[in-house]
Protein backbone atom coordinates (compact mmCIF):
# COMPACT_ATOMS: atom_id res chain seq x y z
CA MET A 1 -0.16 -0.13 -0.06
CA ILE A 2 2.76 2.20 1.06
CA LEU A 3 4.87 1.47 -1.92
CA ASN A 4 1.59 1.82 -4.35
CA SER A 5 0.95 5.44 -2.98
CA PHE A 6 4.43 6.49 -4.29
CA THR A 7 4.45 4.84 -7.52
CA SER A 8 0.80 6.11 -8.52
CA LYS A 9 1.90 9.59 -9.07
CA PRO A 10 5.92 9.26 -10.14
CA VAL A 11 6.36 12.73 -11.13
CA VAL A 12 4.54 14.18 -8.32
CA SER A 13 6.39 12.47 -5.67
CA VAL A 14 9.55 13.75 -7.54
CA ILE A 15 8.85 17.32 -7.40
CA LEU A 16 7.40 17.04 -3.72
CA ALA A 17 10.86 15.37 -2.53
CA CYS A 18 12.52 17.89 -4.28
CA VAL A 19 11.05 20.99 -3.07
CA LEU A 20 11.16 19.48 0.54
CA VAL A 21 14.65 18.87 0.43
CA LEU A 22 15.64 22.13 -1.27
CA PHE A 23 13.40 24.67 0.06
CA LEU A 24 13.32 23.66 3.44
CA PRO A 25 17.11 25.25 3.58
CA ALA A 26 15.78 28.49 1.88
CA ALA A 27 13.07 28.73 4.03
CA TYR A 28 15.68 28.31 6.90
CA ARG A 29 17.87 31.27 5.90
CA VAL A 30 15.15 33.78 5.54
CA VAL A 31 14.28 33.16 9.12
CA THR A 32 17.83 32.80 10.61
CA ALA A 33 19.97 34.72 8.05
CA ASP A 34 17.73 37.67 6.82
CA GLY A 35 17.55 35.73 3.29
CA TYR A 36 21.35 35.54 2.70
CA PRO A 37 22.14 32.11 0.84
CA LEU A 38 23.56 28.78 2.82
CA GLY A 39 27.25 28.51 2.49
CA TYR A 40 30.42 31.02 2.37
CA SER A 41 31.23 29.79 -1.14
CA SER A 42 27.96 31.18 -2.35
CA PHE A 43 29.44 34.88 -1.73
CA GLU A 44 32.40 34.18 -3.99
CA ALA A 45 29.65 33.31 -6.46
CA MET A 46 27.81 36.58 -5.85
CA ASN A 47 30.97 38.84 -6.13
CA ARG A 48 31.60 37.17 -9.72
CA MET A 49 28.33 39.17 -10.66
CA GLU A 50 30.25 42.56 -10.36
CA LEU A 51 32.67 40.97 -12.86
CA VAL A 52 30.24 40.06 -15.58
CA SER A 53 30.06 43.68 -16.98
CA GLN A 54 33.58 43.57 -18.03
CA GLY A 55 33.00 40.94 -20.77
CA PHE A 56 34.26 37.49 -21.39
CA ILE A 57 37.53 37.90 -19.69
CA ALA A 58 37.30 40.32 -16.60
CA LYS A 59 40.18 41.60 -14.31
CA ASP A 60 39.33 41.66 -10.29
CA ALA A 61 42.06 43.81 -8.97
CA SER A 62 42.61 42.50 -5.52
CA VAL A 63 45.19 43.85 -2.95
CA PHE A 64 47.64 41.52 -3.91
CA HIS A 65 47.65 41.36 -7.45
CA THR A 66 45.02 41.72 -10.42
CA GLN A 67 43.41 38.29 -10.89
CA VAL A 68 42.14 37.46 -14.66
CA THR A 69 38.64 35.72 -14.57
CA VAL A 70 37.06 33.93 -17.46
CA MET A 71 33.19 34.23 -17.26
CA SER A 72 31.19 31.10 -18.29
CA ALA A 73 27.77 30.66 -19.64
CA SER A 74 26.34 30.34 -16.10
CA ASP A 75 27.54 33.67 -14.99
CA TYR A 76 25.61 35.41 -17.43
CA VAL A 77 22.62 33.60 -16.73
CA MET A 78 22.75 34.14 -13.16
CA LYS A 79 23.65 37.86 -13.92
CA GLY A 80 20.10 37.94 -15.97
CA LEU A 81 18.35 36.71 -13.14
CA SER A 82 19.87 38.59 -10.37
CA SER A 83 19.26 41.85 -12.34
CA ILE A 84 15.55 40.83 -12.31
CA MET A 85 15.09 39.37 -8.82
CA GLY A 86 17.99 40.77 -7.10
CA VAL A 87 21.42 39.30 -6.07
CA LYS A 88 20.49 37.91 -2.71
CA THR A 89 16.95 36.56 -3.74
CA ALA A 90 18.23 34.92 -7.12
CA PHE A 91 21.11 33.05 -4.87
CA LEU A 92 18.49 31.77 -2.49
CA LEU A 93 15.94 30.68 -4.83
CA VAL A 94 17.43 30.10 -8.30
CA PRO A 95 19.32 26.69 -7.36
CA PRO A 96 16.77 24.99 -5.63
CA LEU A 97 14.12 25.88 -8.39
CA LEU A 98 16.88 24.41 -10.81
CA GLY A 99 17.13 21.42 -8.84
CA VAL A 100 13.67 20.66 -9.22
CA LEU A 101 13.68 21.08 -12.78
CA SER A 102 16.85 19.05 -13.44
CA THR A 103 15.46 16.17 -11.36
CA ILE A 104 12.29 16.31 -13.42
CA MET A 105 14.37 16.06 -16.65
CA ILE A 106 16.49 13.04 -15.23
CA TYR A 107 13.53 11.43 -14.56
CA LEU A 108 11.87 12.35 -18.07
CA ILE A 109 15.28 11.02 -19.74
CA LEU A 110 15.07 8.06 -17.72
CA ARG A 111 11.68 7.21 -19.25
CA LYS A 112 12.82 8.45 -22.97
CA ILE A 113 15.68 5.65 -22.95
CA GLY A 114 13.16 2.84 -21.64
CA ILE A 115 13.60 2.54 -17.49
CA ASP A 116 10.43 1.30 -16.34
CA THR A 117 8.52 3.56 -13.94
CA ASN A 118 9.55 1.78 -10.57
CA HIS A 119 13.26 1.99 -11.43
CA ARG A 120 13.01 5.54 -12.64
CA LEU A 121 11.20 6.72 -9.58
CA ALA A 122 13.88 5.13 -7.27
CA ILE A 123 16.56 6.60 -9.20
CA THR A 124 15.37 10.24 -9.26
CA LEU A 125 14.41 10.24 -5.39
CA LEU A 126 17.87 8.45 -4.31
CA PHE A 127 19.56 11.21 -6.46
CA ALA A 128 17.75 14.04 -5.06
CA THR A 129 18.69 13.05 -1.60
CA THR A 130 22.47 12.63 -2.22
CA PRO A 131 24.57 15.17 -0.30
CA VAL A 132 26.40 16.56 -3.29
CA PHE A 133 22.91 17.16 -4.70
CA LEU A 134 21.74 19.01 -1.54
CA SER A 135 25.06 20.90 -1.38
CA THR A 136 24.94 22.21 -4.85
CA PHE A 137 21.11 23.09 -5.29
CA ALA A 138 20.42 24.41 -1.73
CA THR A 139 23.33 26.65 -1.59
CA GLY A 140 24.10 29.60 -4.18
CA SER A 141 26.27 27.53 -6.26
CA LEU A 142 26.70 28.41 -10.12
CA LEU A 143 27.19 24.62 -10.37
CA ALA A 144 23.39 24.58 -10.15
CA ILE A 145 23.35 26.24 -13.58
CA SER A 146 26.03 24.32 -15.47
CA PHE A 147 24.38 20.97 -14.18
CA THR A 148 20.92 22.27 -15.50
CA MET A 149 22.31 23.42 -18.67
CA VAL A 150 24.20 20.07 -19.24
CA ILE A 151 21.16 18.18 -18.17
CA GLY A 152 18.85 20.16 -20.27
CA ALA A 153 20.96 19.95 -23.25
CA VAL A 154 20.60 16.07 -23.29
CA TYR A 155 17.19 15.84 -22.37
CA LEU A 156 16.48 18.02 -25.37
CA PHE A 157 18.44 16.34 -27.67
CA LEU A 158 16.44 13.02 -26.77
CA LYS A 159 13.25 14.68 -28.00
CA ARG A 160 12.42 14.32 -31.76
CA ARG A 161 11.03 17.31 -32.74
CA THR A 162 13.27 20.12 -34.73
CA VAL A 163 12.84 22.85 -32.36
CA PHE A 164 13.64 20.85 -29.67
CA PHE A 165 16.87 20.04 -31.70
CA ILE A 166 17.84 23.63 -32.31
CA LEU A 167 17.43 24.49 -28.62
CA SER A 168 19.76 21.52 -27.35
CA PHE A 169 22.04 22.68 -30.16
CA PHE A 170 22.53 25.76 -28.84
CA LEU A 171 23.08 24.53 -25.29
CA TYR A 172 25.61 22.15 -26.36
CA LEU A 173 27.39 25.08 -28.23
CA LEU A 174 27.59 26.78 -24.79
CA ILE A 175 28.66 23.89 -22.70
CA PRO A 176 32.58 23.96 -23.49
CA THR A 177 32.42 27.48 -21.73
CA LEU A 178 30.97 25.55 -18.29
CA GLY A 179 34.37 23.64 -17.98
CA VAL A 180 36.13 20.58 -19.06
CA THR A 181 34.01 18.21 -16.88
CA CYS A 182 30.83 19.41 -18.25
CA PHE A 183 32.07 19.28 -21.96
CA ILE A 184 33.08 15.64 -21.24
CA VAL A 185 30.07 14.67 -19.55
CA SER A 186 28.00 16.48 -22.51
CA LEU A 187 29.61 13.95 -25.18
CA PHE A 188 28.74 10.83 -23.74
CA PRO A 189 25.28 10.79 -24.89
CA LEU A 190 26.15 11.68 -28.27
CA VAL A 191 29.14 9.28 -28.61
CA TYR A 192 26.85 6.44 -26.89
CA SER A 193 24.23 7.37 -29.51
CA ILE A 194 26.58 7.38 -32.51
CA ALA A 195 28.13 4.07 -31.43
CA THR A 196 24.75 1.99 -30.97
CA THR A 197 22.59 3.48 -33.58
CA GLY A 198 24.50 5.52 -35.83
CA SER A 199 22.27 8.70 -35.25
CA LYS A 200 23.04 11.40 -37.94
CA LYS A 201 21.47 13.96 -35.51
CA ALA A 202 23.91 12.81 -33.07
CA MET A 203 26.87 13.27 -35.27
CA ALA A 204 25.50 16.84 -36.31
CA MET A 205 25.59 17.53 -32.83
CA LEU A 206 28.76 16.26 -31.94
CA ALA A 207 30.51 17.72 -34.77
CA GLY A 208 29.20 21.14 -33.63
CA THR A 209 30.19 20.80 -30.25
CA LEU A 210 33.78 20.02 -30.86
CA ILE A 211 33.85 23.14 -33.34
CA SER A 212 32.59 24.99 -30.46
CA ALA A 213 34.80 23.45 -27.79
CA GLY A 214 38.19 23.71 -30.43
CA ALA A 215 37.14 27.57 -30.88
CA TYR A 216 36.87 28.39 -26.98
CA PHE A 217 39.58 26.37 -25.89
CA GLY A 218 41.72 27.49 -28.63
CA TYR A 219 41.01 31.02 -27.60
CA LEU A 220 41.86 30.39 -24.06
CA TYR A 221 45.25 28.82 -25.19
CA TRP A 222 46.15 31.56 -27.17
CA VAL A 223 45.47 34.10 -24.61
CA PHE A 224 46.84 32.31 -21.44
CA GLY A 225 48.77 29.52 -22.83
CA MET A 226 48.79 26.19 -21.79
CA PRO A 227 47.07 25.32 -18.35
CA PRO A 228 48.45 23.24 -15.65
CA PHE A 229 47.56 19.54 -15.79
CA PRO A 230 45.12 19.04 -13.06
CA HIS A 231 46.43 16.83 -9.76
CA LEU A 232 45.15 13.79 -8.97
CA GLN A 233 43.06 13.93 -5.59
CA PHE A 234 43.28 10.95 -3.79
CA HIS A 235 43.59 12.61 -0.46
CA GLY A 236 39.89 12.33 1.21
CA LEU A 237 38.65 9.69 -1.50
CA LEU A 238 36.95 7.39 0.97
CA THR A 239 35.29 10.54 2.40
CA TYR A 240 33.32 10.80 -1.21
CA PHE A 241 31.29 7.68 0.11
CA ALA A 242 30.40 9.18 3.77
CA SER A 243 29.49 12.59 3.15
CA ASP A 244 26.36 12.19 5.85
CA LEU A 245 29.10 11.07 8.38
CA GLY A 246 31.00 14.31 8.13
CA GLY A 247 32.83 14.13 4.99
CA ALA A 248 33.03 16.53 1.98
CA PRO A 249 29.72 16.90 -0.15
CA ALA A 250 29.45 13.95 -2.31
CA LEU A 251 27.80 10.54 -1.61
CA GLY A 252 26.18 9.39 1.74
CA ILE A 253 27.06 6.13 3.05
CA PHE A 254 23.35 4.80 2.63
CA ILE A 255 23.16 5.15 -0.83
CA SER A 256 26.91 3.93 -1.34
CA VAL A 257 25.75 0.95 0.18
CA LEU A 258 22.67 0.51 -2.12
CA PHE A 259 24.98 1.34 -5.32
CA PHE A 260 26.97 -2.01 -4.51
CA VAL A 261 23.78 -3.98 -3.90
CA GLY A 262 22.65 -2.58 -7.25
CA LEU A 263 25.75 -3.68 -9.24
CA ILE A 264 25.22 -7.30 -7.97
CA TYR A 265 21.69 -7.45 -8.86
CA SER A 266 22.06 -5.66 -12.10
CA TRP A 267 24.86 -7.81 -13.22
CA LYS A 268 22.57 -10.68 -14.70
CA THR A 269 21.35 -8.21 -17.16
CA LYS A 270 24.49 -6.26 -17.80
CA ALA A 271 23.98 -5.48 -21.14
CA ARG A 272 20.80 -3.57 -20.36
CA PHE A 273 22.59 -1.33 -17.96
CA LEU A 274 25.96 -1.01 -19.89
CA PRO A 275 25.41 2.91 -20.68
CA PHE A 276 25.25 3.15 -16.53
CA TYR A 277 28.33 0.80 -16.20
CA ILE A 278 30.48 3.13 -18.90
CA LEU A 279 28.86 6.66 -17.24
CA ALA A 280 30.04 5.54 -13.73
CA ALA A 281 33.44 4.27 -14.82
CA LEU A 282 33.96 7.72 -16.78
CA LEU A 283 32.53 9.90 -14.43
CA PHE A 284 34.73 8.18 -11.27
CA ALA A 285 37.86 8.79 -13.30
CA VAL A 286 37.03 12.46 -13.94
CA SER A 287 36.09 13.01 -10.42
CA LEU A 288 39.79 12.04 -9.30
CA PHE A 289 40.72 15.22 -11.06
CA ASP A 290 37.58 17.52 -10.77
CA HIS A 291 35.41 17.28 -7.71
CA GLU A 292 32.60 18.71 -9.38
CA ALA A 293 32.25 15.61 -11.36
CA ILE A 294 30.98 14.14 -8.20
CA LEU A 295 27.45 15.76 -9.00
CA TYR A 296 27.28 14.03 -12.20
CA LEU A 297 28.47 10.69 -10.82
CA SER A 298 25.73 10.56 -8.62
CA ILE A 299 23.54 9.84 -11.24
CA PRO A 300 24.81 6.55 -12.21
CA VAL A 301 25.33 5.86 -8.64
CA SER A 302 21.59 6.43 -7.91
CA ALA A 303 20.74 4.26 -10.92
CA PHE A 304 22.38 1.24 -9.74
CA ALA A 305 21.40 2.22 -6.09
CA GLY A 306 17.52 2.16 -7.51
CA ILE A 307 18.11 -0.78 -9.07
CA GLY A 308 18.93 -2.58 -5.96
CA VAL A 309 16.05 -0.86 -4.22
CA ASN A 310 13.37 -1.97 -6.69
CA ASP A 311 14.73 -5.26 -7.15
CA LEU A 312 14.71 -5.93 -3.60
CA PHE A 313 10.94 -5.08 -3.39
CA LYS A 314 10.29 -7.29 -6.55
CA LYS A 315 11.33 -10.46 -4.39
CA ASN A 316 8.41 -12.65 -3.69
CA TRP A 317 7.45 -11.76 -0.04
CA ARG A 318 5.59 -14.33 1.87
CA LEU A 319 3.95 -11.38 3.93
CA PRO A 320 3.15 -8.19 2.05
CA PHE A 321 3.71 -6.05 5.11
CA ILE A 322 7.28 -7.20 5.53
CA ARG A 323 7.97 -5.95 1.87
CA ASP A 324 6.17 -2.53 3.24
CA LEU A 325 8.48 -2.31 6.45
CA SER A 326 11.49 -2.91 4.10
CA PHE A 327 10.43 0.12 2.48
CA ILE A 328 10.12 1.84 5.59
CA LEU A 329 13.75 0.93 6.43
CA VAL A 330 14.86 2.52 3.23
CA ILE A 331 12.86 5.62 3.86
CA CYS A 332 14.55 5.91 7.10
CA GLY A 333 17.82 5.52 5.77
CA VAL A 334 17.52 8.10 3.11
CA LEU A 335 16.04 10.44 5.87
CA PHE A 336 19.17 9.73 8.22
CA SER A 337 21.48 10.54 5.33
CA ILE A 338 19.40 13.96 4.62
CA ILE A 339 19.12 15.13 8.20
CA SER A 340 22.45 13.87 8.85
CA PHE A 341 24.32 15.79 6.11
CA ALA A 342 21.76 18.76 6.54
CA ASP A 343 22.73 19.20 9.99
CA THR A 344 26.45 19.69 9.11
CA MET A 345 25.04 21.91 5.99
CA PHE A 346 23.23 24.20 8.22
CA LEU A 347 26.06 24.90 10.81
CA GLU A 348 28.20 26.18 7.96
CA GLY A 349 26.61 29.84 8.08
CA PRO A 350 27.16 32.37 7.74
CA SER A 351 24.83 33.36 10.99
CA LEU A 352 22.49 36.24 11.23
CA GLU A 353 25.60 37.65 13.98
CA GLU A 354 28.22 37.54 11.37
CA ILE A 355 25.76 39.11 8.76
CA GLU A 356 24.90 42.25 11.24
CA SER A 357 28.56 42.54 12.51
CA LEU A 358 29.33 42.97 8.80
CA ARG A 359 26.49 45.42 7.88
CA TRP A 360 27.52 47.33 10.75
CA LEU A 361 31.32 47.54 9.72
CA GLY A 362 30.26 48.42 6.18
CA ARG A 363 28.35 51.41 7.65
CA ASN A 364 30.86 52.34 10.30
CA VAL A 365 34.11 52.09 8.25
CA ASP A 366 34.60 54.79 5.52
CA SER A 367 37.51 53.87 3.92
CA GLY A 368 40.41 51.39 3.84
CA THR A 369 40.74 47.69 3.29
CA ILE A 370 39.41 45.01 5.71
CA LEU A 371 41.67 42.21 7.00
CA THR A 372 39.95 38.72 7.42
CA LEU A 373 41.21 35.27 6.82
CA PRO A 374 41.05 34.01 3.20
CA GLU A 375 38.09 31.80 3.50
CA ALA A 376 36.07 34.55 4.89
CA ALA A 377 36.85 37.09 2.37
CA PRO A 378 34.02 36.80 -0.23
CA LEU A 379 31.63 37.21 2.49
CA VAL A 380 33.06 40.44 4.09
CA TYR A 381 33.33 41.76 0.68
CA ALA A 382 29.80 41.00 -0.41
CA ILE A 383 28.23 42.49 2.74
CA THR A 384 30.38 45.26 3.38
CA GLY A 385 31.42 46.54 -0.16
CA HIS A 386 34.82 47.18 1.05
CA GLN A 387 38.27 45.79 -0.45
CA VAL A 388 39.28 42.99 1.39
CA VAL A 389 43.03 41.59 2.08
CA GLY A 390 42.95 38.26 0.59
CA ASP A 391 39.76 39.52 -1.79
CA SER A 392 37.45 37.08 -3.42
CA GLN A 393 39.97 34.95 -5.29
CA GLN A 394 41.77 33.76 -2.32
CA ARG A 395 42.15 30.36 -3.66
CA LEU A 396 44.76 31.40 -5.78
CA PHE A 397 46.95 32.82 -3.12
CA SER A 398 49.44 29.91 -3.90
CA ASP A 399 50.36 31.86 -7.38
CA ASN A 400 51.51 34.72 -5.40
CA GLU A 401 54.15 33.78 -2.62
CA ARG A 402 54.51 37.31 -1.52
CA GLY A 403 50.88 37.68 -0.13
CA LEU A 404 51.08 34.12 1.01
CA LYS A 405 53.87 35.42 3.34
CA ASP A 406 52.33 38.85 4.22
CA MET A 407 49.17 37.22 5.11
CA SER A 408 50.97 34.81 7.27
CA ASP A 409 53.10 37.52 9.09
CA MET A 410 50.10 39.68 9.49
CA PHE A 411 48.59 37.08 11.63
CA ALA A 412 51.33 35.02 13.20
CA SER A 413 53.82 37.71 13.93
CA ARG A 414 54.52 38.90 17.28
CA ASN A 415 56.32 41.85 16.36
CA LEU A 416 54.32 44.81 16.61
CA ALA A 417 56.76 46.67 14.15
CA ARG A 418 56.35 44.16 11.33
CA THR A 419 52.89 43.66 11.69
CA SER A 420 52.14 47.49 11.55
CA GLU A 421 54.42 48.01 8.65
CA LEU A 422 52.25 45.11 6.95
CA LEU A 423 48.91 46.73 7.92
CA THR A 424 50.03 50.13 6.86
CA GLN A 425 51.13 48.76 3.52
CA TYR A 426 47.91 47.29 2.50
CA ARG A 427 46.05 50.23 4.17
CA VAL A 428 43.97 48.11 6.42
CA SER A 429 41.71 49.96 8.30
CA ALA A 430 39.81 47.22 10.58
CA ILE A 431 40.16 43.92 11.26
CA TRP A 432 37.03 41.21 11.29
CA LEU A 433 37.54 37.66 12.04
CA PRO A 434 34.87 34.99 11.67
CA PRO A 435 33.80 33.53 15.05
CA TRP A 436 34.79 29.84 14.16
CA GLU A 437 38.58 31.14 13.49
CA GLU A 438 38.55 33.67 16.25
CA GLU A 439 38.21 30.98 18.81
CA ASP A 440 41.31 29.19 17.64
CA LEU A 441 43.25 32.08 17.21
CA ARG A 442 42.24 32.89 20.81
CA SER A 443 43.44 29.82 22.06
CA MET A 444 47.09 30.85 20.67
CA GLU A 445 46.53 34.01 22.41
CA GLY A 446 50.48 34.04 23.46
CA THR A 447 51.51 34.78 19.95
CA GLY A 448 50.57 36.48 16.77
CA LEU A 449 47.85 39.13 16.40
CA PHE A 450 45.67 38.54 19.62
CA PHE A 451 48.84 39.08 21.39
CA LEU A 452 49.61 42.32 19.65
CA PHE A 453 45.65 43.14 20.24
CA ARG A 454 46.73 44.52 23.64
CA ASN A 455 48.59 47.28 22.44
CA ASN A 456 45.83 50.02 23.07
CA GLU A 457 47.90 52.45 21.20
CA THR A 458 47.53 50.53 17.88
CA PHE A 459 44.58 48.57 18.15
CA LYS A 460 41.09 49.61 19.69
CA LYS A 461 37.84 47.27 19.68
CA ILE A 462 34.91 49.75 18.03
CA ASN A 463 32.01 47.31 18.71
CA PRO A 464 32.90 46.26 22.14
CA GLU A 465 29.34 45.04 23.22
CA ALA A 466 28.87 42.90 19.96
CA THR A 467 29.16 39.38 19.86
CA ILE A 468 31.85 39.36 17.07
CA THR A 469 34.58 41.53 18.06
CA ILE A 470 35.96 44.42 15.33
CA TRP A 471 39.38 45.87 15.83
CA ALA A 472 40.19 49.39 14.14
CA TYR A 473 43.98 49.60 13.28
CA LEU A 474 44.37 53.22 14.89
CA PRO A 475 47.54 54.51 12.48
CA TYR A 476 45.40 54.46 9.74
CA GLU A 477 42.79 56.22 11.34
CA GLU A 478 45.54 58.79 12.62
CA GLU A 479 46.83 59.22 8.86
CA GLU A 480 43.46 59.55 7.41
CA ALA A 481 42.66 62.58 10.01
CA GLY A 482 45.99 64.32 9.25
CA GLN A 483 45.28 64.54 5.47
C-alpha cells in the first residue's frame, strides 16, 4: 500500500521530494539569516556578478595582484536573473528551482531511454537525496546552473521535434564555456548514440560541439597559454562515500551501500544497463581530477542504487507487510542521510550575527581595506563592499608567494613593528575575524595578532558590546585624520 501510493503518481512524488529537501534550507535562511544564501562559497559566486559586465575576460584587482577571471555561460545566466530578482534573492531561490527542474528532466530522460516507472522513480528520488545534490542546489552554487544546462541539453537532444534539436544544439555550443568536466559529460550521450544507432542527429550535434570547444579552448590557449595539468585528488577519496558522516559533499554512506547492492543485482542483465556502467567508470575517473564531477557521478550511482531497491521489492514476499516494512527502513536510511548531512550543512553559516556584524562594519568604516582570513573574504566583501586583504580569489594565493607570506606574518607575527608595517602597506583600517576562526586564534593568544591586540595605542575594539569583535587599526585613522 505504501509503495503503491508513491508509484501511482511518480512525477508528483519527485517534485514533492525535491521541494521538501531544497526549499526547507531556503526557508531556514530567510528566518535565521535575513535571506542570505547558505554556505560561505555562495558569496564568492555573488561577487563574480560584479565582473560579468567587464566581458568574457574580467580583471579582479585585489590588494595582492590583479586576477584574471574567465566568465562562463552560467555567470551570464545568473547575472540576468539577479538583475530581475536581486542578487540575494536569486542566489537563494534559483538553485533550488533548478534542482527541481533538473531532477524532473533526469526522470524524463530515464523514461525516454526505456527505464520502467519503478526504477526511474527510485533513481530520481535517491539522486535528490544525495549530499552532493543538497550541497549544490540548496546553496548559492553556480554549479547548479551548469548542471541544469548539461541535463537540459541532453533531454532536448532526446526529443524528436526540430525545435528541441535547435534548442539542444544551442546549449551544446555553450557547454564548453562551463568547463572541461561539463564538456566531457555532455559528449557521452552523443558518442553512445552514434556507437549504438549511428544517429546522424548525434553526429551533427557532436561536430558542432567539438567545433565550439575547439574555438573556445583554442582562444583560451592563445590568450593564457597551456594551463597546468590537474592533479589527482586521492586525498579524502573515501570520504566521498560518507558525506552524511561528516565527509565532503559527495555521496552518502547509505546510497553507497545501495549502489553496490544494485551492481550485484544488475550484473545478471548487465547488457541492459551498459550505459550506466560506462558512465559510472568515466565519471569516477574524471572525479579524481575535478571534485565537481561527483555531482554527475551521483546519477549512475543513484541508478544502481535504485536498481537495488527496486529489485529488492520485486522479490516474492510471503507477507506483504514485511515488504512495506523494508520500504520504511529504506526511507529511514534516506532520511538519516538527509538529516545528518543537512545538520552539518546548516551549521556552515554564515549566521545572522556574522551578517549583522559585517553590516555594522560597512556602515561605520568609511575607507581602507578589511583584514580577514582568506576563507571569509568573499563574505566580507559581499556584505561590506570594502576591498578585503585576500579578496574574493583567495584560492589562487598559491600563485603569489609574497601575498601568502604577508598574510601569514600579519596573523602570526608577534613583532608589532613588522605587523604595523604590513597593515599600513595594505591600508588596513579594520580587522574582522569569523567566530569559528577567532576561537582558534584566541587559544593561541600568547602569539600572533591576538597578542598584539593588547597594545591600546595600535588597536582598539570599535564594537565592544557585540558578540563578534571588530578591531580598528589606529595608525590608519590617524593618517586619514591628518590628511
